[in-house]
Amino acid sequence: MDLYRTALRPLLFTGWFGDPETLHGRSIDLLTWLAQQHQYPLGRLLRDRLTATYGCPSDRLCQTLWGVQFPNPLGLAAGFDKDGTAAAAWQTLGFGFAELGTVTHRPQPGNPQPRLFRLPRDRAALNRMGFNNQGAARLADSLRDLRRITPSPLTIPLGINLGKSKMTPLDGAPADYLASFQLLQDLGDYFVVNVSSPNTPGLRDLQDSDRLGAILDTLQRANQGQKPILVKIAPDLTDDAIAQVIAIAQRHNLAGIIATNTTIRRDGLLTPTLTTGNRPQDEPGGLSGVPVRSRSTEVIRLIYRETGGTLPIIGVGGIFSADDAWEKITAGASLIQTYTGLIYEGPALIRKTLTGLLQHLDRHNLPNISAAIGLDHR
C-alpha cells in the first residue's frame, strides 16, 4: 500500500498543517537534515534504507550526455530545491539527477504570498513564486562545501537553473546571467538559461531571438565549451517561435533544450476556486502538472523532428507515471523531470517510474533507455 497517497497526502491537502508553500518549506527542511546525515553511521544506514526503498539501480537506465553520466533518466525539476540545501538528498530518493534553482545573481524574496496553490481536481499546481532565492553566491558557498567533503556525498549530476534578477532591466540580462554563471561555473554539471517563467515581469520577452542570442553569446564566450548550457522554453510559444529558438540554440552550440516550463493557459480546468476564493482563470502564475502534459510532449516531438534528434531534450511537464515518462522519451526526450508529480504521488513515484520504464524496454525488446529516445519517430 502506498501510504503517501492513501493517508499522508489526503491529510496534508486538508490545509490543517499549513498552506502549500509552508509544507514545501518543511519538506525541504527535512530533506536538508537528511542530506547532512552522511557524516553519521546511523544516518548513512537511514540513507541506504531509503535508497533501497525508492531507488531502482539498473545499467539499462544509465546513459552519458555531454560527458556526464546519469544513472537513470528521471530528475528533479528546477523550483523544488531553489537554494540547493537538500542537494545531497535527492540521490537517496532514487533520482538520476537534480536541477537546483532557479537562482538569480541577487538574493530576492519573490512575489507576495500566497503564491503557491494546488488544483487537486486537475492534478496540477499554480505558482507565482517569482524566483525567491538566496542568490548565486549563497548557492555557490553551499555547493563548494559539499564538494570539499571526502568521500563526496554527491553521487548524481546537479544542474543549475539560472534566472534574471527582478531588479535587473531586460537590457542588462546578459550581464546578470553571466554574473551568476561565473559564481557557479565550477560547481554545476550543466546549466540552464531560464527565460520562460511567467512570474518575473518581462522575462518571457527574453525568448525573443535577438535578446536570447545576446544572453547565450555572453555566456558561451565565458564558458568556452567547458560546461553544457541549455535553454528552458515555455509551452505557450508558437511552433514558429520554437523553430527560432532551435535555430538560436544550434547557432550558439547549446547542449540542449528543456521543454517545457509552466503554462499561462487555463483551458478546461475542473478546480472551481483556489484558497483565495478566486477562480484559477483569474489568478496570475504558471500552471504545472497534468494540464501541461500534452503540450510539453508536443514541443518535445517538434524539437526532435526539427533537429533530427541531434539536440538533446530534457522533457518536463505532467509526469505522474512510467507511461507519462515513456511517452516523453519516445517523443524525443533524453532525460525527464518531475515536480508536481512528486507532490501528488510522493517519493514512490520515482521507483514506480523507473521500474515501469524497464518494463517498457522489455516489451519493445530494447537493450537500454538510450534505444528508446525518439522511438516514435522511427
Protein backbone atom coordinates (compact mmCIF):
# COMPACT_ATOMS: atom_id res chain seq x y z
CA MET A 1 0.00 0.00 0.00
CA ASP A 2 1.21 3.50 -0.88
CA LEU A 3 0.87 5.26 2.47
CA TYR A 4 1.63 8.66 0.99
CA ARG A 5 -1.27 8.55 -1.47
CA THR A 6 -3.75 6.81 0.81
CA ALA A 7 -3.06 8.52 4.12
CA LEU A 8 -0.45 11.27 4.18
CA ARG A 9 -1.44 13.23 1.06
CA PRO A 10 -5.16 13.49 1.98
CA LEU A 11 -4.11 14.74 5.41
CA LEU A 12 -1.64 17.30 4.05
CA PHE A 13 -4.10 18.53 1.44
CA THR A 14 -6.66 19.44 4.11
CA GLY A 15 -4.66 22.56 4.94
CA TRP A 16 -4.59 21.77 8.66
CA PHE A 17 -0.79 21.60 8.67
CA GLY A 18 -0.16 24.72 6.63
CA ASP A 19 -0.54 26.11 3.14
CA PRO A 20 1.33 24.50 0.20
CA GLU A 21 4.35 26.80 0.48
CA THR A 22 4.71 26.14 4.23
CA LEU A 23 4.56 22.38 3.66
CA HIS A 24 7.06 22.67 0.85
CA GLY A 25 9.45 24.51 3.17
CA ARG A 26 9.08 21.81 5.82
CA SER A 27 9.78 19.13 3.22
CA ILE A 28 12.97 20.91 2.19
CA ASP A 29 13.98 21.25 5.85
CA LEU A 30 13.52 17.50 6.34
CA LEU A 31 15.49 16.66 3.21
CA THR A 32 18.21 19.13 4.21
CA TRP A 33 18.52 17.32 7.54
CA LEU A 34 18.68 14.00 5.69
CA ALA A 35 21.41 15.36 3.41
CA GLN A 36 23.51 16.22 6.45
CA GLN A 37 23.38 12.69 7.89
CA HIS A 38 26.10 11.33 5.60
CA GLN A 39 28.65 12.07 8.33
CA TYR A 40 26.99 9.75 10.88
CA PRO A 41 26.88 5.91 10.73
CA LEU A 42 23.17 5.76 11.62
CA GLY A 43 22.48 8.48 9.11
CA ARG A 44 24.22 6.52 6.38
CA LEU A 45 22.17 3.45 7.30
CA LEU A 46 18.98 5.52 7.02
CA ARG A 47 20.00 6.85 3.63
CA ASP A 48 20.89 3.36 2.40
CA ARG A 49 17.49 2.11 3.52
CA LEU A 50 15.68 4.94 1.73
CA THR A 51 17.70 4.32 -1.42
CA ALA A 52 16.78 0.63 -1.32
CA THR A 53 13.11 1.58 -0.90
CA TYR A 54 12.80 4.28 -3.54
CA GLY A 55 15.67 3.67 -5.95
CA CYS A 56 15.90 1.33 -8.90
CA PRO A 57 19.53 0.89 -9.97
CA SER A 58 19.93 -0.62 -13.43
CA ASP A 59 22.63 -0.33 -16.07
CA ARG A 60 19.86 -0.32 -18.69
CA LEU A 61 18.67 3.06 -17.41
CA CYS A 62 22.12 4.64 -17.37
CA GLN A 63 23.35 6.96 -20.12
CA THR A 64 26.03 9.54 -20.75
CA LEU A 65 25.22 13.00 -22.09
CA TRP A 66 27.76 15.82 -22.56
CA GLY A 67 30.36 13.62 -20.90
CA VAL A 68 28.21 13.40 -17.75
CA GLN A 69 26.93 10.03 -16.55
CA PHE A 70 23.27 9.89 -15.50
CA PRO A 71 22.41 6.73 -13.52
CA ASN A 72 18.79 6.99 -14.70
CA PRO A 73 16.79 9.46 -16.81
CA LEU A 74 14.43 10.76 -14.10
CA GLY A 75 15.46 14.01 -12.44
CA LEU A 76 14.06 16.59 -10.08
CA ALA A 77 12.86 19.69 -11.93
CA ALA A 78 14.01 23.20 -11.02
CA GLY A 79 11.95 25.08 -8.48
CA PHE A 80 11.78 22.41 -5.79
CA ASP A 81 15.23 22.97 -4.23
CA LYS A 82 15.91 26.59 -5.12
CA ASP A 83 18.89 27.11 -2.82
CA GLY A 84 20.38 23.62 -3.09
CA THR A 85 20.15 22.98 0.64
CA ALA A 86 18.92 19.41 0.01
CA ALA A 87 21.27 18.78 -2.92
CA ALA A 88 22.81 15.68 -1.33
CA ALA A 89 19.42 14.10 -0.53
CA TRP A 90 17.89 13.66 -3.98
CA GLN A 91 20.03 10.66 -4.87
CA THR A 92 18.73 8.99 -1.70
CA LEU A 93 15.21 9.04 -3.14
CA GLY A 94 16.40 7.42 -6.37
CA PHE A 95 16.63 10.41 -8.71
CA GLY A 96 19.17 10.19 -11.51
CA PHE A 97 19.94 13.92 -11.34
CA ALA A 98 18.59 17.10 -9.77
CA GLU A 99 18.27 20.63 -11.08
CA LEU A 100 18.74 23.33 -8.47
CA GLY A 101 17.35 26.86 -8.58
CA THR A 102 16.05 28.91 -10.20
CA VAL A 103 18.84 31.05 -8.76
CA THR A 104 19.41 34.73 -9.51
CA HIS A 105 22.55 36.83 -9.13
CA ARG A 106 21.00 38.90 -6.38
CA PRO A 107 19.03 37.44 -3.44
CA GLN A 108 15.34 38.24 -3.73
CA PRO A 109 12.19 37.48 -1.73
CA GLY A 110 9.96 36.71 -4.70
CA ASN A 111 6.34 37.73 -5.13
CA PRO A 112 3.85 38.42 -2.30
CA GLN A 113 2.17 35.45 -0.63
CA PRO A 114 0.06 33.43 -1.15
CA ARG A 115 1.85 32.35 -4.31
CA LEU A 116 1.56 28.56 -4.49
CA PHE A 117 -1.73 26.70 -4.95
CA ARG A 118 -2.92 23.16 -5.56
CA LEU A 119 -5.62 22.26 -8.07
CA PRO A 120 -6.48 18.72 -6.91
CA ARG A 121 -9.23 18.02 -9.42
CA ASP A 122 -6.80 18.87 -12.23
CA ARG A 123 -3.76 17.20 -10.60
CA ALA A 124 -1.99 20.50 -11.06
CA ALA A 125 -0.28 23.32 -9.22
CA LEU A 126 -0.28 27.05 -9.84
CA ASN A 127 2.69 29.11 -8.72
CA ARG A 128 3.81 32.70 -8.96
CA MET A 129 6.83 32.39 -6.69
CA GLY A 130 8.92 34.96 -8.57
CA PHE A 131 12.37 33.35 -8.28
CA ASN A 132 12.55 33.62 -4.48
CA ASN A 133 16.09 32.52 -3.54
CA GLN A 134 19.14 33.49 -1.51
CA GLY A 135 21.29 34.36 -4.51
CA ALA A 136 24.03 32.75 -6.57
CA ALA A 137 26.79 33.47 -4.06
CA ARG A 138 24.97 31.58 -1.28
CA LEU A 139 24.31 28.61 -3.55
CA ALA A 140 27.97 28.62 -4.60
CA ASP A 141 29.09 28.50 -0.97
CA SER A 142 26.76 25.58 -0.20
CA LEU A 143 27.86 23.52 -3.20
CA ARG A 144 31.52 24.30 -2.62
CA ASP A 145 31.24 22.99 0.93
CA LEU A 146 29.57 19.79 -0.30
CA ARG A 147 32.15 19.13 -2.99
CA ARG A 148 35.01 19.54 -0.49
CA ILE A 149 33.80 16.57 1.56
CA THR A 150 35.64 13.26 1.02
CA PRO A 151 34.08 10.94 0.11
CA SER A 152 31.65 13.22 -1.69
CA PRO A 153 28.01 12.98 -0.58
CA LEU A 154 27.03 13.90 -4.16
CA THR A 155 26.67 10.90 -6.46
CA ILE A 156 24.31 12.23 -9.13
CA PRO A 157 24.73 15.12 -11.59
CA LEU A 158 23.48 18.53 -10.50
CA GLY A 159 22.10 21.06 -12.93
CA ILE A 160 21.81 24.74 -12.03
CA ASN A 161 18.92 26.80 -13.37
CA LEU A 162 19.78 30.48 -13.87
CA GLY A 163 17.22 33.29 -13.89
CA LYS A 164 17.31 37.06 -14.26
CA SER A 165 17.19 39.17 -11.10
CA LYS A 166 13.87 41.02 -10.97
CA MET A 167 15.53 44.40 -10.42
CA THR A 168 17.75 43.99 -13.50
CA PRO A 169 16.31 45.61 -16.65
CA LEU A 170 15.94 43.44 -19.74
CA ASP A 171 18.87 45.17 -21.43
CA GLY A 172 21.06 44.14 -18.50
CA ALA A 173 20.03 40.49 -18.65
CA PRO A 174 23.21 39.16 -20.37
CA ALA A 175 25.44 40.60 -17.63
CA ASP A 176 23.07 39.39 -14.91
CA TYR A 177 23.06 35.78 -16.16
CA LEU A 178 26.83 35.95 -16.64
CA ALA A 179 27.42 37.06 -13.06
CA SER A 180 25.52 34.05 -11.72
CA PHE A 181 27.22 31.68 -14.14
CA GLN A 182 30.69 32.86 -13.18
CA LEU A 183 29.99 32.26 -9.48
CA LEU A 184 28.69 28.74 -10.12
CA GLN A 185 30.55 27.61 -13.24
CA ASP A 186 32.78 25.09 -11.48
CA LEU A 187 30.01 23.69 -9.27
CA GLY A 188 27.28 22.50 -11.65
CA ASP A 189 27.33 19.61 -14.11
CA TYR A 190 25.10 21.51 -16.53
CA PHE A 191 23.44 24.94 -16.64
CA VAL A 192 20.04 26.13 -17.78
CA VAL A 193 19.11 29.60 -19.01
CA ASN A 194 15.57 30.14 -17.77
CA VAL A 195 13.83 32.74 -19.92
CA SER A 196 10.39 31.16 -19.70
CA SER A 197 8.98 31.66 -16.21
CA PRO A 198 5.78 33.73 -16.34
CA ASN A 199 6.35 35.12 -12.84
CA THR A 200 9.09 37.70 -13.44
CA PRO A 201 7.79 40.71 -15.37
CA GLY A 202 9.11 40.77 -18.94
CA LEU A 203 11.17 37.60 -18.56
CA ARG A 204 9.47 35.74 -21.40
CA ASP A 205 10.38 38.62 -23.71
CA LEU A 206 13.94 37.26 -23.44
CA GLN A 207 12.84 34.33 -25.63
CA ASP A 208 12.91 36.82 -28.49
CA SER A 209 15.69 35.78 -30.87
CA ASP A 210 17.83 38.92 -30.52
CA ARG A 211 17.65 39.10 -26.73
CA LEU A 212 18.14 35.36 -26.23
CA GLY A 213 21.02 35.41 -28.68
CA ALA A 214 22.74 38.17 -26.68
CA ILE A 215 22.45 36.19 -23.44
CA LEU A 216 23.75 32.97 -24.98
CA ASP A 217 26.60 34.72 -26.76
CA THR A 218 27.71 36.31 -23.47
CA LEU A 219 27.56 33.00 -21.60
CA GLN A 220 29.29 30.94 -24.26
CA ARG A 221 32.16 33.40 -24.51
CA ALA A 222 32.78 32.91 -20.79
CA ASN A 223 32.08 29.20 -20.91
CA GLN A 224 34.49 28.28 -23.73
CA GLY A 225 32.77 24.92 -24.13
CA GLN A 226 33.57 23.76 -20.62
CA LYS A 227 30.02 23.15 -19.32
CA PRO A 228 26.79 22.11 -21.07
CA ILE A 229 24.40 25.05 -21.34
CA LEU A 230 20.71 24.52 -22.15
CA VAL A 231 17.75 26.85 -22.53
CA LYS A 232 14.33 26.28 -20.96
CA ILE A 233 11.35 27.35 -23.03
CA ALA A 234 7.65 27.97 -22.43
CA PRO A 235 4.90 25.68 -23.70
CA ASP A 236 3.00 28.75 -24.85
CA LEU A 237 5.39 29.57 -27.71
CA THR A 238 4.07 29.04 -31.20
CA ASP A 239 5.68 26.34 -33.31
CA ASP A 240 7.34 29.06 -35.41
CA ALA A 241 8.80 30.66 -32.29
CA ILE A 242 10.10 27.28 -31.13
CA ALA A 243 11.77 26.82 -34.51
CA GLN A 244 13.51 30.17 -33.97
CA VAL A 245 14.73 29.04 -30.53
CA ILE A 246 16.06 25.83 -32.09
CA ALA A 247 17.98 27.86 -34.66
CA ILE A 248 19.45 30.08 -31.94
CA ALA A 249 20.40 27.03 -29.85
CA GLN A 250 22.20 25.49 -32.80
CA ARG A 251 23.90 28.74 -33.74
CA HIS A 252 25.26 29.16 -30.21
CA ASN A 253 26.20 25.48 -29.79
CA LEU A 254 23.86 24.87 -26.88
CA ALA A 255 23.90 21.43 -25.29
CA GLY A 256 20.11 21.06 -25.42
CA ILE A 257 16.65 22.42 -24.69
CA ILE A 258 14.35 21.87 -21.70
CA ALA A 259 10.72 21.52 -22.75
CA THR A 260 8.82 22.94 -21.01
CA ASN A 261 8.19 25.45 -18.24
CA THR A 262 4.75 26.16 -16.76
CA THR A 263 1.87 27.48 -18.86
CA ILE A 264 -0.24 30.61 -18.58
CA ARG A 265 -3.16 28.87 -20.30
CA ARG A 266 -6.18 27.83 -18.26
CA ASP A 267 -8.13 25.64 -20.71
CA GLY A 268 -10.59 23.09 -19.34
CA LEU A 269 -9.74 23.35 -15.65
CA LEU A 270 -12.04 21.48 -13.25
CA THR A 271 -10.97 23.09 -9.95
CA PRO A 272 -13.60 25.80 -9.33
CA THR A 273 -11.76 28.08 -6.89
CA LEU A 274 -8.41 28.46 -5.13
CA THR A 275 -7.86 29.27 -1.46
CA THR A 276 -8.04 32.95 -2.39
CA GLY A 277 -11.68 32.43 -3.32
CA ASN A 278 -10.91 33.28 -6.95
CA ARG A 279 -11.12 31.02 -9.99
CA PRO A 280 -7.78 29.71 -11.30
CA GLN A 281 -8.57 31.55 -14.53
CA ASP A 282 -8.49 34.84 -12.62
CA GLU A 283 -5.18 34.27 -10.81
CA PRO A 284 -1.76 35.02 -12.34
CA GLY A 285 1.03 32.46 -12.36
CA GLY A 286 2.25 29.38 -14.15
CA LEU A 287 0.28 26.14 -14.23
CA SER A 288 2.11 22.81 -13.94
CA GLY A 289 1.12 19.16 -13.82
CA VAL A 290 -1.38 17.29 -15.96
CA PRO A 291 -2.71 20.39 -17.82
CA VAL A 292 0.72 20.98 -19.42
CA ARG A 293 1.48 17.30 -20.15
CA SER A 294 0.26 17.06 -23.74
CA ARG A 295 1.70 20.37 -24.91
CA SER A 296 5.11 19.69 -23.41
CA THR A 297 5.19 16.35 -25.25
CA GLU A 298 4.17 18.08 -28.48
CA VAL A 299 7.06 20.51 -28.06
CA ILE A 300 9.49 17.65 -27.41
CA ARG A 301 8.28 15.90 -30.54
CA LEU A 302 8.64 19.10 -32.58
CA ILE A 303 12.19 19.78 -31.40
CA TYR A 304 13.28 16.21 -32.05
CA ARG A 305 11.77 16.23 -35.53
CA GLU A 306 13.23 19.61 -36.47
CA THR A 307 16.72 18.68 -35.28
CA GLY A 308 16.74 15.06 -36.41
CA GLY A 309 17.41 14.07 -32.83
CA THR A 310 20.77 15.84 -32.77
CA LEU A 311 19.89 18.25 -29.94
CA PRO A 312 19.29 16.56 -26.56
CA ILE A 313 15.99 17.40 -24.86
CA ILE A 314 15.04 17.29 -21.19
CA GLY A 315 11.29 16.72 -21.04
CA VAL A 316 9.22 18.05 -18.15
CA GLY A 317 5.52 18.60 -17.64
CA GLY A 318 2.87 16.31 -16.19
CA ILE A 319 4.93 13.19 -15.42
CA PHE A 320 2.90 11.18 -12.91
CA SER A 321 3.69 7.63 -14.06
CA ALA A 322 6.01 5.42 -16.08
CA ASP A 323 3.64 5.75 -19.04
CA ASP A 324 3.95 9.53 -18.93
CA ALA A 325 7.74 9.23 -18.81
CA TRP A 326 7.82 6.71 -21.65
CA GLU A 327 5.66 8.98 -23.81
CA LYS A 328 8.14 11.84 -23.46
CA ILE A 329 11.19 9.66 -24.02
CA THR A 330 9.80 8.05 -27.15
CA ALA A 331 8.76 11.52 -28.37
CA GLY A 332 12.43 12.50 -28.18
CA ALA A 333 13.46 13.37 -24.61
CA SER A 334 16.83 12.03 -23.47
CA LEU A 335 16.10 12.93 -19.86
CA ILE A 336 12.89 13.73 -17.99
CA GLN A 337 12.00 15.69 -14.86
CA THR A 338 9.16 15.81 -12.36
CA TYR A 339 7.97 18.32 -9.76
CA THR A 340 4.18 18.42 -9.49
CA GLY A 341 4.01 14.64 -9.90
CA LEU A 342 6.18 14.29 -6.80
CA ILE A 343 3.72 16.41 -4.81
CA TYR A 344 0.74 14.27 -5.83
CA GLU A 345 2.35 10.83 -5.98
CA GLY A 346 5.05 11.10 -3.31
CA PRO A 347 8.55 9.60 -3.43
CA ALA A 348 7.19 6.20 -4.52
CA LEU A 349 6.73 7.83 -7.93
CA ILE A 350 10.47 7.53 -8.57
CA ARG A 351 10.76 3.76 -8.19
CA LYS A 352 7.42 3.16 -9.93
CA THR A 353 8.54 5.24 -12.90
CA LEU A 354 11.93 3.58 -13.21
CA THR A 355 10.63 0.02 -12.86
CA GLY A 356 7.90 0.87 -15.34
CA LEU A 357 10.47 2.15 -17.83
CA LEU A 358 12.33 -1.17 -17.57
CA GLN A 359 9.08 -2.97 -18.32
CA HIS A 360 8.54 -0.80 -21.39
CA LEU A 361 12.06 -1.66 -22.57
CA ASP A 362 11.27 -5.35 -22.19
CA ARG A 363 8.01 -5.03 -24.13
CA HIS A 364 9.79 -3.33 -27.01
CA ASN A 365 12.85 -5.62 -26.88
CA LEU A 366 15.15 -2.65 -26.34
CA PRO A 367 18.54 -3.07 -24.63
CA ASN A 368 18.61 0.27 -22.78
CA ILE A 369 16.91 3.62 -22.34
CA SER A 370 19.06 5.29 -25.00
CA ALA A 371 17.49 2.99 -27.61
CA ALA A 372 14.03 4.32 -26.70
CA ILE A 373 14.79 8.01 -27.28
CA GLY A 374 12.73 9.22 -30.24
CA LEU A 375 11.27 5.77 -30.86
CA ASP A 376 8.00 7.29 -32.11
CA HIS A 377 9.85 8.91 -35.00
CA ARG A 378 11.18 5.56 -36.18
